[in-house]
């Protein structure tokens, strides 16, 4: 997959992560989108590096989607922990 495919996958993974983890985010839609793209890259890298599951060249591979969504969920949780308003 090329860089454009990873960006599109990241946008979709960010939307899915936001659906799975609803609530207010400190960064809003733009922050969630950036987290989705970064999560797709990080999830793919972790999957290939430490989980011994190289990312395939196909956009519709389930493991690729799972890695991207998982990376997005992890980054979204970390983002909420680090930047959430503590006065709630």
C-alpha atoms as a PDB file:
ATOM      1  CA  UNK A   1       0.000   0.000   0.000  1.00  0.00           C
ATOM      2  CA  UNK A   2       1.157   3.497  -0.731  1.00  0.00           C
ATOM      3  CA  UNK A   3       1.202   6.494   1.549  1.00  0.00           C
ATOM      4  CA  UNK A   4      -2.183   7.719   0.258  1.00  0.00           C
ATOM      5  CA  UNK A   5      -3.753   4.359   1.110  1.00  0.00           C
ATOM      6  CA  UNK A   6      -2.356   4.547   4.647  1.00  0.00           C
ATOM      7  CA  UNK A   7      -3.746   8.066   5.071  1.00  0.00           C
ATOM      8  CA  UNK A   8      -7.195   6.968   3.876  1.00  0.00           C
ATOM      9  CA  UNK A   9      -6.999   3.894   6.099  1.00  0.00           C
ATOM     10  CA  UNK A  10      -5.973   6.144   9.002  1.00  0.00           C
ATOM     11  CA  UNK A  11      -8.916   8.479   8.455  1.00  0.00           C
ATOM     12  CA  UNK A  12     -11.315   5.546   8.465  1.00  0.00           C
ATOM     13  CA  UNK A  13      -9.565   3.903  11.429  1.00  0.00           C
ATOM     14  CA  UNK A  14      -9.813   7.164  13.382  1.00  0.00           C
ATOM     15  CA  UNK A  15     -13.538   7.350  12.689  1.00  0.00           C
ATOM     16  CA  UNK A  16     -14.003   3.727  13.768  1.00  0.00           C
ATOM     17  CA  UNK A  17     -11.915   4.294  16.915  1.00  0.00           C
ATOM     18  CA  UNK A  18     -14.036   7.344  17.748  1.00  0.00           C
ATOM     19  CA  UNK A  19     -17.193   5.246  17.249  1.00  0.00           C
ATOM     20  CA  UNK A  20     -15.842   2.505  19.534  1.00  0.00           C
ATOM     21  CA  UNK A  21     -14.689   5.015  22.165  1.00  0.00           C
ATOM     22  CA  UNK A  22     -17.324   7.779  22.256  1.00  0.00           C
ATOM     23  CA  UNK A  23     -17.056  10.917  24.324  1.00  0.00           C
ATOM     24  CA  UNK A  24     -15.524  14.340  24.178  1.00  0.00           C
ATOM     25  CA  UNK A  25     -12.016  14.604  22.817  1.00  0.00           C
ATOM     26  CA  UNK A  26      -9.803  17.563  23.637  1.00  0.00           C
ATOM     27  CA  UNK A  27      -8.903  18.053  19.960  1.00  0.00           C
ATOM     28  CA  UNK A  28     -12.290  17.562  18.342  1.00  0.00           C
ATOM     29  CA  UNK A  29     -12.677  16.212  14.819  1.00  0.00           C
ATOM     30  CA  UNK A  30      -9.291  17.403  13.537  1.00  0.00           C
ATOM     31  CA  UNK A  31      -7.435  15.918  16.499  1.00  0.00           C
ATOM     32  CA  UNK A  32      -9.239  12.608  16.150  1.00  0.00           C
ATOM     33  CA  UNK A  33      -8.439  12.518  12.436  1.00  0.00           C
ATOM     34  CA  UNK A  34      -4.742  13.148  13.014  1.00  0.00           C
ATOM     35  CA  UNK A  35      -4.741  10.509  15.753  1.00  0.00           C
ATOM     36  CA  UNK A  36      -6.345   8.060  13.315  1.00  0.00           C
ATOM     37  CA  UNK A  37      -3.674   8.597  10.675  1.00  0.00           C
ATOM     38  CA  UNK A  38      -0.855   8.370  13.227  1.00  0.00           C
ATOM     39  CA  UNK A  39      -2.480   5.299  14.790  1.00  0.00           C
ATOM     40  CA  UNK A  40      -2.635   3.556  11.416  1.00  0.00           C
ATOM     41  CA  UNK A  41       1.079   4.113  10.866  1.00  0.00           C
ATOM     42  CA  UNK A  42       2.030   3.110  14.405  1.00  0.00           C
ATOM     43  CA  UNK A  43      -0.296   0.099  14.430  1.00  0.00           C
ATOM     44  CA  UNK A  44       1.142  -1.120  11.135  1.00  0.00           C
ATOM     45  CA  UNK A  45       4.688  -0.622  12.358  1.00  0.00           C
ATOM     46  CA  UNK A  46       4.050  -2.452  15.645  1.00  0.00           C
ATOM     47  CA  UNK A  47       2.335  -5.286  13.790  1.00  0.00           C
ATOM     48  CA  UNK A  48       5.238  -5.718  11.398  1.00  0.00           C
ATOM     49  CA  UNK A  49       8.010  -5.163  13.926  1.00  0.00           C
ATOM     50  CA  UNK A  50       6.955  -6.947  17.127  1.00  0.00           C
ATOM     51  CA  UNK A  51       3.940  -9.092  16.317  1.00  0.00           C
ATOM     52  CA  UNK A  52       5.670 -10.772  13.361  1.00  0.00           C
ATOM     53  CA  UNK A  53       2.731 -10.073  11.070  1.00  0.00           C
ATOM     54  CA  UNK A  54       3.923  -8.027   8.115  1.00  0.00           C
ATOM     55  CA  UNK A  55       1.330  -5.730   6.631  1.00  0.00           C
ATOM     56  CA  UNK A  56       0.169  -6.945   3.250  1.00  0.00           C
ATOM     57  CA  UNK A  57      -0.097  -4.930   0.082  1.00  0.00           C
ATOM     58  CA  UNK A  58      -3.877  -5.216   0.040  1.00  0.00           C
ATOM     59  CA  UNK A  59      -6.118  -2.472   1.390  1.00  0.00           C
ATOM     60  CA  UNK A  60      -8.877  -4.872   2.470  1.00  0.00           C
ATOM     61  CA  UNK A  61      -6.736  -7.186   4.631  1.00  0.00           C
ATOM     62  CA  UNK A  62      -8.340  -7.719   8.051  1.00  0.00           C
ATOM     63  CA  UNK A  63      -5.036  -7.709   9.936  1.00  0.00           C
ATOM     64  CA  UNK A  64      -4.096  -4.368   8.391  1.00  0.00           C
ATOM     65  CA  UNK A  65      -7.407  -2.872   9.503  1.00  0.00           C
ATOM     66  CA  UNK A  66      -7.090  -4.394  12.983  1.00  0.00           C
ATOM     67  CA  UNK A  67      -3.590  -2.939  13.374  1.00  0.00           C
ATOM     68  CA  UNK A  68      -4.726   0.506  12.201  1.00  0.00           C
ATOM     69  CA  UNK A  69      -7.814   0.573  14.428  1.00  0.00           C
ATOM     70  CA  UNK A  70      -5.866  -0.797  17.394  1.00  0.00           C
ATOM     71  CA  UNK A  71      -3.170   1.842  16.974  1.00  0.00           C
ATOM     72  CA  UNK A  72      -5.820   4.540  16.712  1.00  0.00           C
ATOM     73  CA  UNK A  73      -7.588   3.329  19.854  1.00  0.00           C
ATOM     74  CA  UNK A  74      -4.340   3.287  21.832  1.00  0.00           C
ATOM     75  CA  UNK A  75      -3.402   6.798  20.702  1.00  0.00           C
ATOM     76  CA  UNK A  76      -6.920   8.094  21.371  1.00  0.00           C
ATOM     77  CA  UNK A  77      -6.865   6.740  24.926  1.00  0.00           C
ATOM     78  CA  UNK A  78      -3.381   8.189  25.541  1.00  0.00           C
ATOM     79  CA  UNK A  79      -4.483  11.518  24.075  1.00  0.00           C
ATOM     80  CA  UNK A  80      -7.506  11.647  26.371  1.00  0.00           C
ATOM     81  CA  UNK A  81      -5.394  10.752  29.406  1.00  0.00           C
ATOM     82  CA  UNK A  82      -2.730  13.355  28.675  1.00  0.00           C
ATOM     83  CA  UNK A  83      -4.847  16.257  27.423  1.00  0.00           C
ATOM     84  CA  UNK A  84      -8.282  15.850  28.987  1.00  0.00           C
ATOM     85  CA  UNK A  85      -9.674  18.632  31.105  1.00  0.00           C
ATOM     86  CA  UNK A  86      -9.115  17.523  34.694  1.00  0.00           C
ATOM     87  CA  UNK A  87     -11.915  19.765  36.071  1.00  0.00           C
ATOM     88  CA  UNK A  88     -14.773  17.485  34.926  1.00  0.00           C
END
